[in-house]
């Protein structure tokens, strides 16, 4: 762990994350999460950090630009989320880094 990082367990991950606008999601407690995509060895990942941002006016999903990210994630069994496209994402980690809660999700290949 890098110096200055607080690592370790956080509370339970959010049950649902809904897109609010491009790159901003909102959970069931109205906390905001910033989402960025990454690719590693051809696998799509989503780095999701709980950061307070003004909610502003939400955008209808149909009006959002095309994205590899879903409109919604729902916590499923175990360490996984199911997205609005019925894809499964593994939780690679859920921790606190320098006071910021972070989830790293990896899209599993579809069978």
PDB file of N, CA and C in Angstrom:
ATOM      1  N   UNK A   1       0.832  -1.171   0.000  1.00  0.00           N
ATOM      2  CA  UNK A   1       0.000   0.000   0.000  1.00  0.00           C
ATOM      3  C   UNK A   1       0.880   1.239   0.000  1.00  0.00           C
ATOM      4  N   UNK A   2       0.549   2.215  -0.778  1.00  0.00           N
ATOM      5  CA  UNK A   2       1.344   3.428  -0.885  1.00  0.00           C
ATOM      6  C   UNK A   2       1.219   4.255   0.385  1.00  0.00           C
ATOM      7  N   UNK A   3       2.260   5.024   0.668  1.00  0.00           N
ATOM      8  CA  UNK A   3       2.259   5.873   1.844  1.00  0.00           C
ATOM      9  C   UNK A   3       1.132   6.883   1.752  1.00  0.00           C
ATOM     10  N   UNK A   4       0.484   7.142   2.895  1.00  0.00           N
ATOM     11  CA  UNK A   4      -0.612   8.099   2.918  1.00  0.00           C
ATOM     12  C   UNK A   4      -1.958   7.485   2.584  1.00  0.00           C
ATOM     13  N   UNK A   5      -1.974   6.206   2.265  1.00  0.00           N
ATOM     14  CA  UNK A   5      -3.243   5.546   1.964  1.00  0.00           C
ATOM     15  C   UNK A   5      -3.775   4.885   3.219  1.00  0.00           C
ATOM     16  N   UNK A   6      -5.054   5.010   3.410  1.00  0.00           N
ATOM     17  CA  UNK A   6      -5.731   4.250   4.444  1.00  0.00           C
ATOM     18  C   UNK A   6      -6.411   3.109   3.719  1.00  0.00           C
ATOM     19  N   UNK A   7      -5.970   1.922   3.935  1.00  0.00           N
ATOM     20  CA  UNK A   7      -6.582   0.790   3.262  1.00  0.00           C
ATOM     21  C   UNK A   7      -7.467   0.049   4.226  1.00  0.00           C
ATOM     22  N   UNK A   8      -8.282  -0.812   3.704  1.00  0.00           N
ATOM     23  CA  UNK A   8      -9.070  -1.649   4.577  1.00  0.00           C
ATOM     24  C   UNK A   8     -10.521  -1.653   4.186  1.00  0.00           C
ATOM     25  N   UNK A   9     -11.264  -2.340   5.038  1.00  0.00           N
ATOM     26  CA  UNK A   9     -12.677  -2.520   4.773  1.00  0.00           C
ATOM     27  C   UNK A   9     -13.449  -1.232   4.978  1.00  0.00           C
ATOM     28  N   UNK A  10     -14.498  -1.087   4.241  1.00  0.00           N
ATOM     29  CA  UNK A  10     -15.436   0.013   4.402  1.00  0.00           C
ATOM     30  C   UNK A  10     -16.781  -0.614   4.721  1.00  0.00           C
ATOM     31  N   UNK A  11     -17.775   0.197   4.776  1.00  0.00           N
ATOM     32  CA  UNK A  11     -19.107  -0.356   4.987  1.00  0.00           C
ATOM     33  C   UNK A  11     -19.502  -1.183   3.771  1.00  0.00           C
ATOM     34  N   UNK A  12     -20.689  -1.741   3.801  1.00  0.00           N
ATOM     35  CA  UNK A  12     -21.156  -2.559   2.686  1.00  0.00           C
ATOM     36  C   UNK A  12     -21.218  -1.717   1.409  1.00  0.00           C
ATOM     37  N   UNK A  13     -20.981  -2.335   0.255  1.00  0.00           N
ATOM     38  CA  UNK A  13     -21.079  -1.580  -0.997  1.00  0.00           C
ATOM     39  C   UNK A  13     -22.516  -1.139  -1.255  1.00  0.00           C
ATOM     40  N   UNK A  14     -22.698  -0.122  -2.088  1.00  0.00           N
ATOM     41  CA  UNK A  14     -24.065   0.325  -2.377  1.00  0.00           C
ATOM     42  C   UNK A  14     -24.881  -0.794  -3.023  1.00  0.00           C
ATOM     43  N   UNK A  15     -26.161  -0.800  -2.738  1.00  0.00           N
ATOM     44  CA  UNK A  15     -27.060  -1.814  -3.299  1.00  0.00           C
ATOM     45  C   UNK A  15     -27.327  -1.524  -4.768  1.00  0.00           C
ATOM     46  N   UNK A  16     -27.534  -0.236  -5.087  1.00  0.00           N
ATOM     47  CA  UNK A  16     -27.797   0.170  -6.474  1.00  0.00           C
ATOM     48  C   UNK A  16     -27.034   1.443  -6.783  1.00  0.00           C
ATOM     49  N   UNK A  17     -26.628   1.542  -8.025  1.00  0.00           N
ATOM     50  CA  UNK A  17     -26.022   2.769  -8.552  1.00  0.00           C
ATOM     51  C   UNK A  17     -26.736   3.101  -9.858  1.00  0.00           C
ATOM     52  N   UNK A  18     -27.338   4.289  -9.924  1.00  0.00           N
ATOM     53  CA  UNK A  18     -28.046   4.746 -11.120  1.00  0.00           C
ATOM     54  C   UNK A  18     -27.269   5.883 -11.756  1.00  0.00           C
ATOM     55  N   UNK A  19     -27.224   5.899 -13.085  1.00  0.00           N
ATOM     56  CA  UNK A  19     -26.563   6.999 -13.774  1.00  0.00           C
ATOM     57  C   UNK A  19     -27.387   8.268 -13.561  1.00  0.00           C
ATOM     58  N   UNK A  20     -26.690   9.324 -13.251  1.00  0.00           N
ATOM     59  CA  UNK A  20     -27.328  10.629 -13.042  1.00  0.00           C
ATOM     60  C   UNK A  20     -27.044  11.537 -14.241  1.00  0.00           C
ATOM     61  N   UNK A  21     -25.796  11.482 -14.667  1.00  0.00           N
ATOM     62  CA  UNK A  21     -25.333  12.142 -15.882  1.00  0.00           C
ATOM     63  C   UNK A  21     -24.010  11.469 -16.232  1.00  0.00           C
ATOM     64  N   UNK A  22     -23.402  11.829 -17.338  1.00  0.00           N
ATOM     65  CA  UNK A  22     -22.185  11.159 -17.789  1.00  0.00           C
ATOM     66  C   UNK A  22     -21.133  11.141 -16.684  1.00  0.00           C
ATOM     67  N   UNK A  23     -20.726   9.930 -16.289  1.00  0.00           N
ATOM     68  CA  UNK A  23     -19.674   9.756 -15.292  1.00  0.00           C
ATOM     69  C   UNK A  23     -20.094   9.926 -13.853  1.00  0.00           C
ATOM     70  N   UNK A  24     -21.360  10.254 -13.604  1.00  0.00           N
ATOM     71  CA  UNK A  24     -21.847  10.459 -12.236  1.00  0.00           C
ATOM     72  C   UNK A  24     -23.018   9.511 -11.975  1.00  0.00           C
ATOM     73  N   UNK A  25     -22.901   8.739 -10.910  1.00  0.00           N
ATOM     74  CA  UNK A  25     -23.944   7.816 -10.491  1.00  0.00           C
ATOM     75  C   UNK A  25     -24.397   8.198  -9.089  1.00  0.00           C
ATOM     76  N   UNK A  26     -25.578   7.766  -8.716  1.00  0.00           N
ATOM     77  CA  UNK A  26     -26.161   8.064  -7.422  1.00  0.00           C
ATOM     78  C   UNK A  26     -26.609   6.741  -6.803  1.00  0.00           C
ATOM     79  N   UNK A  27     -26.355   6.564  -5.489  1.00  0.00           N
ATOM     80  CA  UNK A  27     -26.776   5.324  -4.839  1.00  0.00           C
ATOM     81  C   UNK A  27     -28.115   5.510  -4.136  1.00  0.00           C
ATOM     82  N   UNK A  28     -28.540   4.463  -3.444  1.00  0.00           N
ATOM     83  CA  UNK A  28     -29.854   4.468  -2.796  1.00  0.00           C
ATOM     84  C   UNK A  28     -29.938   5.459  -1.637  1.00  0.00           C
ATOM     85  N   UNK A  29     -28.823   5.971  -1.163  1.00  0.00           N
ATOM     86  CA  UNK A  29     -28.829   6.970  -0.085  1.00  0.00           C
ATOM     87  C   UNK A  29     -28.535   8.374  -0.622  1.00  0.00           C
ATOM     88  N   UNK A  30     -28.595   8.551  -1.936  1.00  0.00           N
ATOM     89  CA  UNK A  30     -28.362   9.819  -2.629  1.00  0.00           C
ATOM     90  C   UNK A  30     -26.914  10.300  -2.558  1.00  0.00           C
ATOM     91  N   UNK A  31     -25.989   9.375  -2.280  1.00  0.00           N
ATOM     92  CA  UNK A  31     -24.570   9.722  -2.341  1.00  0.00           C
ATOM     93  C   UNK A  31     -24.134   9.617  -3.802  1.00  0.00           C
ATOM     94  N   UNK A  32     -23.197  10.464  -4.192  1.00  0.00           N
ATOM     95  CA  UNK A  32     -22.746  10.480  -5.586  1.00  0.00           C
ATOM     96  C   UNK A  32     -21.437   9.729  -5.729  1.00  0.00           C
ATOM     97  N   UNK A  33     -21.290   9.104  -6.879  1.00  0.00           N
ATOM     98  CA  UNK A  33     -20.132   8.282  -7.203  1.00  0.00           C
ATOM     99  C   UNK A  33     -19.646   8.669  -8.599  1.00  0.00           C
ATOM    100  N   UNK A  34     -18.358   8.924  -8.727  1.00  0.00           N
ATOM    101  CA  UNK A  34     -17.760   9.213 -10.030  1.00  0.00           C
ATOM    102  C   UNK A  34     -17.221   7.913 -10.606  1.00  0.00           C
ATOM    103  N   UNK A  35     -17.474   7.684 -11.876  1.00  0.00           N
ATOM    104  CA  UNK A  35     -17.110   6.426 -12.521  1.00  0.00           C
ATOM    105  C   UNK A  35     -16.208   6.698 -13.714  1.00  0.00           C
ATOM    106  N   UNK A  36     -15.124   5.925 -13.790  1.00  0.00           N
ATOM    107  CA  UNK A  36     -14.208   5.997 -14.931  1.00  0.00           C
ATOM    108  C   UNK A  36     -13.957   4.581 -15.423  1.00  0.00           C
ATOM    109  N   UNK A  37     -13.892   4.423 -16.733  1.00  0.00           N
ATOM    110  CA  UNK A  37     -13.605   3.102 -17.299  1.00  0.00           C
ATOM    111  C   UNK A  37     -12.104   2.911 -17.440  1.00  0.00           C
ATOM    112  N   UNK A  38     -11.701   1.661 -17.366  1.00  0.00           N
ATOM    113  CA  UNK A  38     -10.315   1.254 -17.580  1.00  0.00           C
ATOM    114  C   UNK A  38     -10.353  -0.049 -18.358  1.00  0.00           C
ATOM    115  N   UNK A  39      -9.273  -0.336 -19.048  1.00  0.00           N
ATOM    116  CA  UNK A  39      -9.152  -1.647 -19.693  1.00  0.00           C
ATOM    117  C   UNK A  39      -7.828  -2.245 -19.279  1.00  0.00           C
ATOM    118  N   UNK A  40      -7.874  -3.516 -18.945  1.00  0.00           N
ATOM    119  CA  UNK A  40      -6.669  -4.247 -18.557  1.00  0.00           C
ATOM    120  C   UNK A  40      -6.743  -5.617 -19.208  1.00  0.00           C
ATOM    121  N   UNK A  41      -5.784  -5.899 -20.059  1.00  0.00           N
ATOM    122  CA  UNK A  41      -5.735  -7.180 -20.778  1.00  0.00           C
ATOM    123  C   UNK A  41      -7.059  -7.460 -21.482  1.00  0.00           C
ATOM    124  N   UNK A  42      -7.632  -6.432 -22.089  1.00  0.00           N
ATOM    125  CA  UNK A  42      -8.870  -6.605 -22.840  1.00  0.00           C
ATOM    126  C   UNK A  42     -10.117  -6.706 -21.987  1.00  0.00           C
ATOM    127  N   UNK A  43      -9.974  -6.579 -20.665  1.00  0.00           N
ATOM    128  CA  UNK A  43     -11.126  -6.655 -19.758  1.00  0.00           C
ATOM    129  C   UNK A  43     -11.557  -5.253 -19.360  1.00  0.00           C
ATOM    130  N   UNK A  44     -12.856  -4.964 -19.472  1.00  0.00           N
ATOM    131  CA  UNK A  44     -13.399  -3.673 -19.081  1.00  0.00           C
ATOM    132  C   UNK A  44     -13.549  -3.615 -17.568  1.00  0.00           C
ATOM    133  N   UNK A  45     -13.096  -2.501 -16.986  1.00  0.00           N
ATOM    134  CA  UNK A  45     -13.234  -2.283 -15.549  1.00  0.00           C
ATOM    135  C   UNK A  45     -13.864  -0.916 -15.330  1.00  0.00           C
ATOM    136  N   UNK A  46     -14.503  -0.781 -14.176  1.00  0.00           N
ATOM    137  CA  UNK A  46     -15.086   0.500 -13.771  1.00  0.00           C
ATOM    138  C   UNK A  46     -14.527   0.848 -12.398  1.00  0.00           C
ATOM    139  N   UNK A  47     -13.827   1.974 -12.325  1.00  0.00           N
ATOM    140  CA  UNK A  47     -13.324   2.484 -11.045  1.00  0.00           C
ATOM    141  C   UNK A  47     -14.353   3.509 -10.560  1.00  0.00           C
ATOM    142  N   UNK A  48     -14.943   3.221  -9.398  1.00  0.00           N
ATOM    143  CA  UNK A  48     -16.076   3.989  -8.893  1.00  0.00           C
ATOM    144  C   UNK A  48     -15.693   4.563  -7.532  1.00  0.00           C
ATOM    145  N   UNK A  49     -15.703   5.891  -7.433  1.00  0.00           N
ATOM    146  CA  UNK A  49     -15.294   6.567  -6.193  1.00  0.00           C
ATOM    147  C   UNK A  49     -16.438   7.424  -5.664  1.00  0.00           C
ATOM    148  N   UNK A  50     -16.675   7.291  -4.351  1.00  0.00           N
ATOM    149  CA  UNK A  50     -17.721   8.102  -3.727  1.00  0.00           C
ATOM    150  C   UNK A  50     -17.166   9.491  -3.460  1.00  0.00           C
ATOM    151  N   UNK A  51     -17.625  10.434  -4.248  1.00  0.00           N
ATOM    152  CA  UNK A  51     -17.178  11.822  -4.174  1.00  0.00           C
ATOM    153  C   UNK A  51     -18.423  12.699  -4.192  1.00  0.00           C
ATOM    154  N   UNK A  52     -18.552  13.609  -3.226  1.00  0.00           N
ATOM    155  CA  UNK A  52     -19.721  14.488  -3.250  1.00  0.00           C
ATOM    156  C   UNK A  52     -19.645  15.474  -4.412  1.00  0.00           C
ATOM    157  N   UNK A  53     -20.658  15.450  -5.248  1.00  0.00           N
ATOM    158  CA  UNK A  53     -20.792  16.427  -6.329  1.00  0.00           C
ATOM    159  C   UNK A  53     -22.255  16.875  -6.343  1.00  0.00           C
ATOM    160  N   UNK A  54     -22.526  18.105  -6.748  1.00  0.00           N
ATOM    161  CA  UNK A  54     -23.926  18.533  -6.825  1.00  0.00           C
ATOM    162  C   UNK A  54     -24.691  17.633  -7.795  1.00  0.00           C
ATOM    163  N   UNK A  55     -25.865  17.197  -7.369  1.00  0.00           N
ATOM    164  CA  UNK A  55     -26.655  16.306  -8.221  1.00  0.00           C
ATOM    165  C   UNK A  55     -27.156  17.026  -9.467  1.00  0.00           C
ATOM    166  N   UNK A  56     -27.589  18.239  -9.327  1.00  0.00           N
ATOM    167  CA  UNK A  56     -28.114  18.942 -10.498  1.00  0.00           C
ATOM    168  C   UNK A  56     -29.289  18.188 -11.089  1.00  0.00           C
ATOM    169  N   UNK A  57     -29.598  18.513 -12.300  1.00  0.00           N
ATOM    170  CA  UNK A  57     -30.703  17.869 -13.000  1.00  0.00           C
ATOM    171  C   UNK A  57     -30.196  16.586 -13.640  1.00  0.00           C
ATOM    172  N   UNK A  58     -30.896  15.489 -13.386  1.00  0.00           N
ATOM    173  CA  UNK A  58     -30.516  14.229 -14.001  1.00  0.00           C
ATOM    174  C   UNK A  58     -30.855  14.213 -15.485  1.00  0.00           C
ATOM    175  N   UNK A  59     -30.133  13.377 -16.197  1.00  0.00           N
ATOM    176  CA  UNK A  59     -30.368  13.226 -17.635  1.00  0.00           C
ATOM    177  C   UNK A  59     -31.004  11.868 -17.872  1.00  0.00           C
ATOM    178  N   UNK A  60     -32.009  11.830 -18.705  1.00  0.00           N
ATOM    179  CA  UNK A  60     -32.610  10.539 -19.057  1.00  0.00           C
ATOM    180  C   UNK A  60     -31.548   9.658 -19.706  1.00  0.00           C
ATOM    181  N   UNK A  61     -31.513   8.385 -19.341  1.00  0.00           N
ATOM    182  CA  UNK A  61     -30.531   7.483 -19.946  1.00  0.00           C
ATOM    183  C   UNK A  61     -30.563   7.494 -21.471  1.00  0.00           C
ATOM    184  N   UNK A  62     -31.746   7.671 -22.058  1.00  0.00           N
ATOM    185  CA  UNK A  62     -31.843   7.674 -23.523  1.00  0.00           C
ATOM    186  C   UNK A  62     -31.150   8.888 -24.140  1.00  0.00           C
ATOM    187  N   UNK A  63     -30.889   9.916 -23.354  1.00  0.00           N
ATOM    188  CA  UNK A  63     -30.238  11.124 -23.860  1.00  0.00           C
ATOM    189  C   UNK A  63     -28.740  11.163 -23.582  1.00  0.00           C
ATOM    190  N   UNK A  64     -28.242  10.159 -22.882  1.00  0.00           N
ATOM    191  CA  UNK A  64     -26.806  10.095 -22.596  1.00  0.00           C
ATOM    192  C   UNK A  64     -26.043   9.631 -23.831  1.00  0.00           C
ATOM    193  N   UNK A  65     -24.798  10.082 -23.991  1.00  0.00           N
ATOM    194  CA  UNK A  65     -24.001   9.567 -25.105  1.00  0.00           C
ATOM    195  C   UNK A  65     -23.739   8.067 -24.913  1.00  0.00           C
ATOM    196  N   UNK A  66     -23.489   7.392 -25.991  1.00  0.00           N
ATOM    197  CA  UNK A  66     -23.213   5.956 -25.933  1.00  0.00           C
ATOM    198  C   UNK A  66     -22.006   5.711 -25.036  1.00  0.00           C
ATOM    199  N   UNK A  67     -22.097   4.656 -24.251  1.00  0.00           N
ATOM    200  CA  UNK A  67     -21.039   4.351 -23.290  1.00  0.00           C
ATOM    201  C   UNK A  67     -20.935   2.845 -23.094  1.00  0.00           C
ATOM    202  N   UNK A  68     -19.768   2.410 -22.659  1.00  0.00           N
ATOM    203  CA  UNK A  68     -19.574   1.003 -22.292  1.00  0.00           C
ATOM    204  C   UNK A  68     -20.174   0.721 -20.922  1.00  0.00           C
ATOM    205  N   UNK A  69     -20.473   1.780 -20.177  1.00  0.00           N
ATOM    206  CA  UNK A  69     -21.014   1.620 -18.831  1.00  0.00           C
ATOM    207  C   UNK A  69     -22.530   1.495 -18.874  1.00  0.00           C
ATOM    208  N   UNK A  70     -23.091   0.761 -17.923  1.00  0.00           N
ATOM    209  CA  UNK A  70     -24.541   0.584 -17.890  1.00  0.00           C
ATOM    210  C   UNK A  70     -25.236   1.806 -17.286  1.00  0.00           C
ATOM    211  N   UNK A  71     -26.550   1.812 -17.374  1.00  0.00           N
ATOM    212  CA  UNK A  71     -27.339   2.868 -16.734  1.00  0.00           C
ATOM    213  C   UNK A  71     -27.534   2.585 -15.258  1.00  0.00           C
ATOM    214  N   UNK A  72     -27.373   1.306 -14.847  1.00  0.00           N
ATOM    215  CA  UNK A  72     -27.587   0.933 -13.462  1.00  0.00           C
ATOM    216  C   UNK A  72     -26.821  -0.331 -13.123  1.00  0.00           C
ATOM    217  N   UNK A  73     -26.310  -0.382 -11.897  1.00  0.00           N
ATOM    218  CA  UNK A  73     -25.752  -1.603 -11.323  1.00  0.00           C
ATOM    219  C   UNK A  73     -26.587  -1.972 -10.107  1.00  0.00           C
ATOM    220  N   UNK A  74     -26.830  -3.256  -9.912  1.00  0.00           N
ATOM    221  CA  UNK A  74     -27.556  -3.760  -8.737  1.00  0.00           C
ATOM    222  C   UNK A  74     -26.708  -4.849  -8.092  1.00  0.00           C
ATOM    223  N   UNK A  75     -26.487  -4.715  -6.780  1.00  0.00           N
ATOM    224  CA  UNK A  75     -25.712  -5.708  -6.050  1.00  0.00           C
ATOM    225  C   UNK A  75     -26.427  -7.044  -6.133  1.00  0.00           C
ATOM    226  N   UNK A  76     -25.684  -8.063  -6.483  1.00  0.00           N
ATOM    227  CA  UNK A  76     -26.229  -9.401  -6.659  1.00  0.00           C
ATOM    228  C   UNK A  76     -25.631 -10.297  -5.586  1.00  0.00           C
ATOM    229  N   UNK A  77     -25.710 -11.585  -5.778  1.00  0.00           N
ATOM    230  CA  UNK A  77     -25.158 -12.513  -4.802  1.00  0.00           C
ATOM    231  C   UNK A  77     -23.633 -12.387  -4.723  1.00  0.00           C
ATOM    232  N   UNK A  78     -23.121 -12.594  -3.527  1.00  0.00           N
ATOM    233  CA  UNK A  78     -21.665 -12.589  -3.358  1.00  0.00           C
ATOM    234  C   UNK A  78     -21.037 -11.250  -3.663  1.00  0.00           C
ATOM    235  N   UNK A  79     -19.912 -11.284  -4.315  1.00  0.00           N
ATOM    236  CA  UNK A  79     -19.136 -10.089  -4.633  1.00  0.00           C
ATOM    237  C   UNK A  79     -19.366  -9.670  -6.076  1.00  0.00           C
ATOM    238  N   UNK A  80     -20.631  -9.533  -6.465  1.00  0.00           N
ATOM    239  CA  UNK A  80     -20.933  -9.209  -7.856  1.00  0.00           C
ATOM    240  C   UNK A  80     -22.075  -8.203  -7.970  1.00  0.00           C
ATOM    241  N   UNK A  81     -22.048  -7.485  -9.080  1.00  0.00           N
ATOM    242  CA  UNK A  81     -23.146  -6.611  -9.479  1.00  0.00           C
ATOM    243  C   UNK A  81     -23.692  -7.134 -10.802  1.00  0.00           C
ATOM    244  N   UNK A  82     -24.987  -6.951 -11.005  1.00  0.00           N
ATOM    245  CA  UNK A  82     -25.626  -7.204 -12.300  1.00  0.00           C
ATOM    246  C   UNK A  82     -26.025  -5.832 -12.823  1.00  0.00           C
ATOM    247  N   UNK A  83     -25.724  -5.577 -14.106  1.00  0.00           N
ATOM    248  CA  UNK A  83     -26.045  -4.256 -14.639  1.00  0.00           C
ATOM    249  C   UNK A  83     -27.364  -4.270 -15.410  1.00  0.00           C
ATOM    250  N   UNK A  84     -27.760  -3.100 -15.877  1.00  0.00           N
ATOM    251  CA  UNK A  84     -29.037  -2.955 -16.584  1.00  0.00           C
ATOM    252  C   UNK A  84     -29.062  -3.684 -17.917  1.00  0.00           C
ATOM    253  N   UNK A  85     -27.908  -4.182 -18.356  1.00  0.00           N
ATOM    254  CA  UNK A  85     -27.824  -4.986 -19.585  1.00  0.00           C
ATOM    255  C   UNK A  85     -27.678  -6.471 -19.266  1.00  0.00           C
ATOM    256  N   UNK A  86     -27.931  -6.851 -18.006  1.00  0.00           N
ATOM    257  CA  UNK A  86     -27.844  -8.225 -17.497  1.00  0.00           C
ATOM    258  C   UNK A  86     -26.428  -8.788 -17.511  1.00  0.00           C
ATOM    259  N   UNK A  87     -25.426  -7.925 -17.555  1.00  0.00           N
ATOM    260  CA  UNK A  87     -24.038  -8.379 -17.477  1.00  0.00           C
ATOM    261  C   UNK A  87     -23.618  -8.455 -16.012  1.00  0.00           C
ATOM    262  N   UNK A  88     -22.647  -9.327 -15.743  1.00  0.00           N
ATOM    263  CA  UNK A  88     -22.153  -9.529 -14.376  1.00  0.00           C
ATOM    264  C   UNK A  88     -20.790  -8.857 -14.226  1.00  0.00           C
ATOM    265  N   UNK A  89     -20.637  -8.120 -13.130  1.00  0.00           N
ATOM    266  CA  UNK A  89     -19.391  -7.433 -12.791  1.00  0.00           C
ATOM    267  C   UNK A  89     -18.908  -7.943 -11.437  1.00  0.00           C
ATOM    268  N   UNK A  90     -17.680  -8.408 -11.369  1.00  0.00           N
ATOM    269  CA  UNK A  90     -17.061  -8.816 -10.106  1.00  0.00           C
ATOM    270  C   UNK A  90     -16.551  -7.597  -9.361  1.00  0.00           C
ATOM    271  N   UNK A  91     -16.674  -7.617  -8.041  1.00  0.00           N
ATOM    272  CA  UNK A  91     -16.059  -6.577  -7.224  1.00  0.00           C
ATOM    273  C   UNK A  91     -14.616  -6.998  -6.978  1.00  0.00           C
ATOM    274  N   UNK A  92     -13.668  -6.320  -7.620  1.00  0.00           N
ATOM    275  CA  UNK A  92     -12.252  -6.635  -7.410  1.00  0.00           C
ATOM    276  C   UNK A  92     -11.770  -6.094  -6.071  1.00  0.00           C
ATOM    277  N   UNK A  93     -12.234  -4.903  -5.724  1.00  0.00           N
ATOM    278  CA  UNK A  93     -11.987  -4.401  -4.380  1.00  0.00           C
ATOM    279  C   UNK A  93     -13.025  -3.362  -4.004  1.00  0.00           C
ATOM    280  N   UNK A  94     -13.181  -3.204  -2.700  1.00  0.00           N
ATOM    281  CA  UNK A  94     -14.039  -2.178  -2.117  1.00  0.00           C
ATOM    282  C   UNK A  94     -13.315  -1.721  -0.866  1.00  0.00           C
ATOM    283  N   UNK A  95     -12.725  -0.540  -0.929  1.00  0.00           N
ATOM    284  CA  UNK A  95     -11.909  -0.071   0.173  1.00  0.00           C
ATOM    285  C   UNK A  95     -11.906   1.433   0.270  1.00  0.00           C
ATOM    286  N   UNK A  96     -11.193   1.912   1.278  1.00  0.00           N
ATOM    287  CA  UNK A  96     -11.065   3.347   1.518  1.00  0.00           C
ATOM    288  C   UNK A  96      -9.621   3.729   1.191  1.00  0.00           C
ATOM    289  N   UNK A  97      -9.442   4.706   0.299  1.00  0.00           N
ATOM    290  CA  UNK A  97      -8.106   5.170  -0.075  1.00  0.00           C
ATOM    291  C   UNK A  97      -8.053   6.668   0.182  1.00  0.00           C
ATOM    292  N   UNK A  98      -7.189   7.050   1.095  1.00  0.00           N
ATOM    293  CA  UNK A  98      -7.030   8.461   1.456  1.00  0.00           C
ATOM    294  C   UNK A  98      -8.382   9.120   1.734  1.00  0.00           C
ATOM    295  N   UNK A  99      -9.233   8.403   2.462  1.00  0.00           N
ATOM    296  CA  UNK A  99     -10.529   8.933   2.865  1.00  0.00           C
ATOM    297  C   UNK A  99     -11.617   8.837   1.813  1.00  0.00           C
ATOM    298  N   UNK A 100     -11.328   8.243   0.657  1.00  0.00           N
ATOM    299  CA  UNK A 100     -12.319   8.122  -0.420  1.00  0.00           C
ATOM    300  C   UNK A 100     -12.694   6.656  -0.592  1.00  0.00           C
ATOM    301  N   UNK A 101     -13.987   6.376  -0.492  1.00  0.00           N
ATOM    302  CA  UNK A 101     -14.478   5.015  -0.712  1.00  0.00           C
ATOM    303  C   UNK A 101     -14.379   4.690  -2.196  1.00  0.00           C
ATOM    304  N   UNK A 102     -13.853   3.506  -2.510  1.00  0.00           N
ATOM    305  CA  UNK A 102     -13.664   3.127  -3.911  1.00  0.00           C
ATOM    306  C   UNK A 102     -14.077   1.681  -4.141  1.00  0.00           C
ATOM    307  N   UNK A 103     -14.753   1.479  -5.257  1.00  0.00           N
ATOM    308  CA  UNK A 103     -15.076   0.151  -5.782  1.00  0.00           C
ATOM    309  C   UNK A 103     -14.338  -0.011  -7.101  1.00  0.00           C
ATOM    310  N   UNK A 104     -13.820  -1.186  -7.342  1.00  0.00           N
ATOM    311  CA  UNK A 104     -13.274  -1.512  -8.650  1.00  0.00           C
ATOM    312  C   UNK A 104     -14.024  -2.734  -9.148  1.00  0.00           C
ATOM    313  N   UNK A 105     -14.773  -2.552 -10.239  1.00  0.00           N
ATOM    314  CA  UNK A 105     -15.566  -3.635 -10.808  1.00  0.00           C
ATOM    315  C   UNK A 105     -14.948  -4.104 -12.108  1.00  0.00           C
ATOM    316  N   UNK A 106     -15.020  -5.411 -12.342  1.00  0.00           N
ATOM    317  CA  UNK A 106     -14.513  -5.990 -13.597  1.00  0.00           C
ATOM    318  C   UNK A 106     -15.649  -6.720 -14.278  1.00  0.00           C
ATOM    319  N   UNK A 107     -15.878  -6.376 -15.549  1.00  0.00           N
ATOM    320  CA  UNK A 107     -16.917  -7.030 -16.340  1.00  0.00           C
ATOM    321  C   UNK A 107     -16.488  -8.457 -16.661  1.00  0.00           C
ATOM    322  N   UNK A 108     -17.336  -9.417 -16.323  1.00  0.00           N
ATOM    323  CA  UNK A 108     -17.026 -10.816 -16.620  1.00  0.00           C
ATOM    324  C   UNK A 108     -17.436 -11.135 -18.048  1.00  0.00           C
ATOM    325  N   UNK A 109     -16.682 -12.005 -18.719  1.00  0.00           N
ATOM    326  CA  UNK A 109     -17.079 -12.383 -20.067  1.00  0.00           C
ATOM    327  C   UNK A 109     -18.426 -13.096 -20.059  1.00  0.00           C
ATOM    328  N   UNK A 110     -19.237 -12.825 -21.060  1.00  0.00           N
ATOM    329  CA  UNK A 110     -20.542 -13.494 -21.138  1.00  0.00           C
ATOM    330  C   UNK A 110     -20.339 -14.873 -21.750  1.00  0.00           C
ATOM    331  N   UNK A 111     -21.121 -15.821 -21.266  1.00  0.00           N
ATOM    332  CA  UNK A 111     -21.001 -17.200 -21.756  1.00  0.00           C
ATOM    333  C   UNK A 111     -21.895 -17.445 -22.930  1.00  0.00           C
TER     334      UNK A 111
END
